[in-house]
Amino acid sequence: MDDHLKQTLLLGREHYQKGELDKAEYLLRQVLAATDRFADVHHMLGVIAHGRGDFSQAEQCFATAVALNPNYTEAALNLMVTYNDLGKYDAARALFAQLKGRSGPASAPRADPFAKGRIANMHAETSQAYFDVGMTVDAIRELERAVALCPAFADLRTRLAVLYRDSGDAVRAREQLDAAKEANPRFVQARILLAVMHLSAGENAAAAEELRAVLELEPDHKSAQMYLRLAKTDARSSPPPAP
């Protein structure tokens, strides 16, 4: 590669890292016109295409990057995400199976947390797609997979709790909210939803405890203020327990 092409590639990468995607694309396409052997060039162009909603172009770019470098994990993950965007769920699952097969059981403990997070978010996106068309059971299944990959993601556990709750499974919903709270005690949404479930069950003291914890984190949280007043009012209006 001559010096001019090296400089073009270097500048293209720099613009990409800075988020200057139009400038990056212009330079990267010049590199691509001269040589198509750089997997990261195809990957960067795929990210740019995906960000513009051109999923077909993104698929082609990511697939080429993976073909050039089968160990390019980020490109493979982005390809899986794009497959899901295009509704190619079987292809996404097949690619995921290939990645798991390459890693093998012995290397599982060293799995890249970033990679696991991307896959978990892919499952979460697929879950939302299922939910949007009324396929709640499948939506729950995908979120369960996401949580299994990243149990410390409080937001994923909270989303799963909502699906459990709306499906009538209050026990599992509470389990997920408790786990979300344990994973991230400052994740307010989990505490609010748990308080609402306590209120619905007449467990006012437990609800008030969660709501006070929320207000310690966010003193101006309007919903927490409202629910706490409700918990206190209901507690005062409830008849005394039978002797």
Protein backbone atom coordinates (compact mmCIF):
# COMPACT_ATOMS: atom_id res chain seq x y z
CA MET A 1 0.00 0.00 0.00
CA ASP A 2 1.45 3.35 -1.02
CA ASP A 3 1.90 6.28 1.34
CA HIS A 4 -1.11 8.18 -0.01
CA LEU A 5 -3.45 5.25 0.63
CA LYS A 6 -1.97 4.74 4.10
CA GLN A 7 -2.66 8.38 4.93
CA THR A 8 -6.18 8.15 3.55
CA LEU A 9 -6.87 5.09 5.70
CA LEU A 10 -5.40 6.75 8.77
CA LEU A 11 -7.52 9.88 8.31
CA GLY A 12 -10.61 7.80 7.64
CA ARG A 13 -10.13 5.92 10.91
CA GLU A 14 -9.54 9.16 12.81
CA HIS A 15 -12.73 10.77 11.46
CA TYR A 16 -14.66 7.59 12.31
CA GLN A 17 -13.39 7.58 15.90
CA LYS A 18 -14.39 11.24 16.26
CA GLY A 19 -17.89 10.52 14.97
CA GLU A 20 -17.35 12.53 11.79
CA LEU A 21 -19.00 9.85 9.73
CA ASP A 22 -19.54 11.69 6.46
CA LYS A 23 -15.85 12.57 6.26
CA ALA A 24 -14.91 9.05 7.33
CA GLU A 25 -17.13 7.43 4.71
CA TYR A 26 -15.67 9.57 1.90
CA LEU A 27 -12.13 8.52 2.78
CA LEU A 28 -12.91 4.89 3.57
CA ARG A 29 -14.59 4.46 0.21
CA GLN A 30 -11.43 5.72 -1.45
CA VAL A 31 -9.52 3.02 0.38
CA LEU A 32 -12.12 0.43 -0.62
CA ALA A 33 -11.79 1.43 -4.26
CA ALA A 34 -8.08 0.68 -4.09
CA THR A 35 -8.19 -2.49 -1.97
CA ASP A 36 -10.92 -4.48 -0.25
CA ARG A 37 -8.68 -6.48 2.08
CA PHE A 38 -9.16 -4.40 5.26
CA ALA A 39 -11.86 -5.95 7.45
CA ASP A 40 -12.11 -2.87 9.66
CA VAL A 41 -12.86 -0.65 6.65
CA HIS A 42 -15.85 -2.83 5.76
CA HIS A 43 -16.89 -2.85 9.41
CA MET A 44 -16.75 0.94 9.76
CA LEU A 45 -18.74 1.38 6.55
CA GLY A 46 -21.25 -1.13 7.92
CA VAL A 47 -21.68 0.85 11.12
CA ILE A 48 -22.21 4.03 9.10
CA ALA A 49 -24.79 2.33 6.85
CA HIS A 50 -26.58 0.82 9.84
CA GLY A 51 -26.78 4.20 11.55
CA ARG A 52 -28.53 5.55 8.45
CA GLY A 53 -31.02 2.70 8.43
CA ASP A 54 -29.56 1.06 5.33
CA PHE A 55 -29.60 -2.43 6.82
CA SER A 56 -29.04 -4.26 3.54
CA GLN A 57 -25.84 -2.33 2.89
CA ALA A 58 -24.79 -2.79 6.51
CA GLU A 59 -25.35 -6.55 6.24
CA GLN A 60 -23.11 -6.73 3.17
CA CYS A 61 -20.34 -4.73 4.85
CA PHE A 62 -20.40 -6.69 8.11
CA ALA A 63 -20.55 -10.02 6.27
CA THR A 64 -17.50 -9.06 4.22
CA ALA A 65 -15.63 -8.01 7.37
CA VAL A 66 -16.38 -11.36 8.99
CA ALA A 67 -15.37 -13.23 5.83
CA LEU A 68 -12.04 -11.42 5.82
CA ASN A 69 -11.50 -11.95 9.55
CA PRO A 70 -13.63 -14.72 11.10
CA ASN A 71 -12.37 -13.70 14.57
CA TYR A 72 -13.65 -10.13 14.22
CA THR A 73 -16.10 -10.39 17.12
CA GLU A 74 -17.49 -6.88 16.91
CA ALA A 75 -18.27 -7.27 13.22
CA ALA A 76 -19.97 -10.61 13.89
CA LEU A 77 -22.08 -9.09 16.66
CA ASN A 78 -23.07 -6.17 14.46
CA LEU A 79 -23.96 -8.63 11.72
CA MET A 80 -26.23 -10.49 14.16
CA VAL A 81 -27.92 -7.24 15.16
CA THR A 82 -28.42 -6.38 11.49
CA TYR A 83 -29.85 -9.82 10.76
CA ASN A 84 -32.42 -9.15 13.48
CA ASP A 85 -33.17 -5.72 12.03
CA LEU A 86 -33.88 -7.43 8.71
CA GLY A 87 -35.99 -10.15 10.32
CA LYS A 88 -33.39 -12.82 9.53
CA TYR A 89 -33.66 -14.44 12.95
CA ASP A 90 -32.50 -17.87 11.80
CA ALA A 91 -29.33 -16.38 10.34
CA ALA A 92 -28.69 -14.47 13.57
CA ARG A 93 -29.10 -17.62 15.66
CA ALA A 94 -26.85 -19.59 13.32
CA LEU A 95 -24.12 -16.98 13.54
CA PHE A 96 -24.42 -16.92 17.32
CA ALA A 97 -24.06 -20.71 17.38
CA GLN A 98 -20.91 -20.43 15.28
CA LEU A 99 -19.42 -17.93 17.71
CA LYS A 100 -20.22 -20.15 20.67
CA GLY A 101 -18.79 -23.16 18.84
CA ARG A 102 -15.52 -21.36 18.16
CA SER A 103 -15.16 -20.21 21.74
CA GLY A 104 -15.78 -23.67 23.21
CA PRO A 105 -16.52 -24.55 26.85
CA ALA A 106 -12.93 -23.99 27.99
CA SER A 107 -12.88 -20.35 26.95
CA ALA A 108 -16.35 -19.48 28.24
CA PRO A 109 -15.07 -17.99 31.54
CA ARG A 110 -13.00 -15.51 29.53
CA ALA A 111 -15.93 -14.30 27.44
CA ASP A 112 -15.62 -10.62 26.56
CA PRO A 113 -18.10 -8.67 28.74
CA PHE A 114 -18.61 -6.19 25.91
CA ALA A 115 -19.51 -9.00 23.53
CA LYS A 116 -21.92 -10.52 26.04
CA GLY A 117 -23.52 -7.12 26.54
CA ARG A 118 -24.02 -6.63 22.82
CA ILE A 119 -25.60 -10.08 22.50
CA ALA A 120 -27.83 -9.42 25.51
CA ASN A 121 -29.01 -6.17 23.96
CA MET A 122 -29.66 -8.01 20.71
CA HIS A 123 -31.93 -10.41 22.58
CA ALA A 124 -33.64 -7.42 24.21
CA GLU A 125 -34.26 -5.82 20.82
CA THR A 126 -35.66 -9.09 19.50
CA SER A 127 -37.87 -9.27 22.58
CA GLN A 128 -39.29 -5.84 21.80
CA ALA A 129 -39.96 -6.91 18.21
CA TYR A 130 -41.89 -9.94 19.43
CA PHE A 131 -43.80 -7.84 21.96
CA ASP A 132 -44.76 -5.27 19.33
CA VAL A 133 -46.59 -7.95 17.35
CA GLY A 134 -48.26 -9.49 20.38
CA MET A 135 -45.95 -12.52 20.79
CA THR A 136 -45.47 -12.09 24.54
CA VAL A 137 -44.23 -15.60 25.29
CA ASP A 138 -41.43 -15.21 22.76
CA ALA A 139 -40.68 -11.72 24.08
CA ILE A 140 -40.25 -13.15 27.58
CA ARG A 141 -38.01 -15.93 26.30
CA GLU A 142 -35.67 -13.46 24.59
CA LEU A 143 -35.41 -11.27 27.67
CA GLU A 144 -34.70 -14.33 29.81
CA ARG A 145 -31.77 -15.07 27.51
CA ALA A 146 -30.59 -11.48 27.81
CA VAL A 147 -30.71 -11.63 31.60
CA ALA A 148 -28.90 -14.98 31.63
CA LEU A 149 -26.04 -13.38 29.68
CA CYS A 150 -25.89 -10.20 31.75
CA PRO A 151 -27.51 -10.75 35.16
CA ALA A 152 -26.12 -7.46 36.47
CA PHE A 153 -28.07 -5.40 33.91
CA ALA A 154 -30.80 -3.97 36.13
CA ASP A 155 -32.67 -2.47 33.18
CA LEU A 156 -33.04 -5.84 31.46
CA ARG A 157 -34.29 -7.47 34.66
CA THR A 158 -36.81 -4.67 35.11
CA ARG A 159 -38.12 -5.07 31.57
CA LEU A 160 -38.48 -8.79 32.16
CA ALA A 161 -40.32 -8.10 35.41
CA VAL A 162 -42.84 -5.94 33.57
CA LEU A 163 -43.54 -8.74 31.09
CA TYR A 164 -43.94 -11.25 33.91
CA ARG A 165 -46.26 -8.89 35.77
CA ASP A 166 -48.39 -8.17 32.72
CA SER A 167 -48.63 -11.91 32.08
CA GLY A 168 -50.01 -12.46 35.57
CA ASP A 169 -46.83 -13.91 37.11
CA ALA A 170 -46.39 -11.58 40.06
CA VAL A 171 -44.00 -13.90 41.90
CA ARG A 172 -41.42 -13.99 39.13
CA ALA A 173 -41.90 -10.27 38.52
CA ARG A 174 -40.98 -9.52 42.12
CA GLU A 175 -38.00 -11.84 41.92
CA GLN A 176 -36.65 -9.91 38.95
CA LEU A 177 -37.24 -6.54 40.59
CA ASP A 178 -35.51 -7.66 43.78
CA ALA A 179 -32.58 -8.91 41.69
CA ALA A 180 -32.48 -5.65 39.73
CA LYS A 181 -32.42 -3.68 42.97
CA GLU A 182 -29.60 -5.87 44.28
CA ALA A 183 -27.61 -5.47 41.05
CA ASN A 184 -28.02 -1.69 41.09
CA PRO A 185 -29.55 -0.17 44.25
CA ARG A 186 -29.65 3.21 42.52
CA PHE A 187 -31.82 1.99 39.63
CA VAL A 188 -34.95 3.91 40.54
CA GLN A 189 -37.33 2.33 38.03
CA ALA A 190 -37.01 -1.10 39.64
CA ARG A 191 -37.80 0.32 43.07
CA ILE A 192 -40.80 2.25 41.78
CA LEU A 193 -42.27 -0.81 40.08
CA LEU A 194 -41.64 -2.91 43.16
CA ALA A 195 -43.39 -0.29 45.30
CA VAL A 196 -46.39 -0.32 42.97
CA MET A 197 -46.61 -4.10 43.27
CA HIS A 198 -46.46 -3.81 47.06
CA LEU A 199 -49.21 -1.19 47.01
CA SER A 200 -51.39 -3.36 44.79
CA ALA A 201 -51.00 -6.20 47.28
CA GLY A 202 -51.82 -3.97 50.25
CA GLU A 203 -48.24 -4.14 51.52
CA ASN A 204 -48.04 -0.46 52.35
CA ALA A 205 -45.08 -0.56 54.70
CA ALA A 206 -42.93 -2.38 52.15
CA ALA A 207 -44.05 0.05 49.45
CA ALA A 208 -43.21 3.04 51.62
CA GLU A 209 -39.75 1.65 52.29
CA GLU A 210 -38.99 1.42 48.58
CA LEU A 211 -40.42 4.87 47.90
CA ARG A 212 -38.39 6.50 50.65
CA ALA A 213 -35.28 4.92 49.15
CA VAL A 214 -36.20 6.44 45.78
CA LEU A 215 -36.69 9.88 47.32
CA GLU A 216 -33.29 9.67 48.99
CA LEU A 217 -31.83 9.22 45.52
CA GLU A 218 -34.15 11.64 43.72
CA PRO A 219 -35.92 13.99 46.17
CA ASP A 220 -38.08 15.54 43.42
CA HIS A 221 -39.33 12.25 41.96
CA LYS A 222 -43.03 13.05 41.44
CA SER A 223 -44.30 9.50 41.16
CA ALA A 224 -42.50 8.44 44.31
CA GLN A 225 -43.96 11.40 46.19
CA MET A 226 -47.47 10.59 44.96
CA TYR A 227 -47.25 6.86 45.71
CA LEU A 228 -45.81 7.53 49.16
CA ARG A 229 -48.76 9.78 50.01
CA LEU A 230 -51.07 7.05 48.78
CA ALA A 231 -49.30 4.44 50.91
CA LYS A 232 -49.65 6.62 54.02
CA THR A 233 -53.29 7.42 53.30
CA ASP A 234 -54.21 3.78 52.75
CA ALA A 235 -52.37 2.81 55.92
CA ARG A 236 -54.35 5.32 57.98
CA SER A 237 -57.67 4.33 56.44
CA SER A 238 -57.15 0.57 56.82
CA PRO A 239 -59.06 -1.07 59.67
CA PRO A 240 -56.99 -2.39 62.57
CA PRO A 241 -56.06 -6.06 62.39
CA ALA A 242 -58.42 -8.52 64.07
CA PRO A 243 -57.34 -9.55 67.58
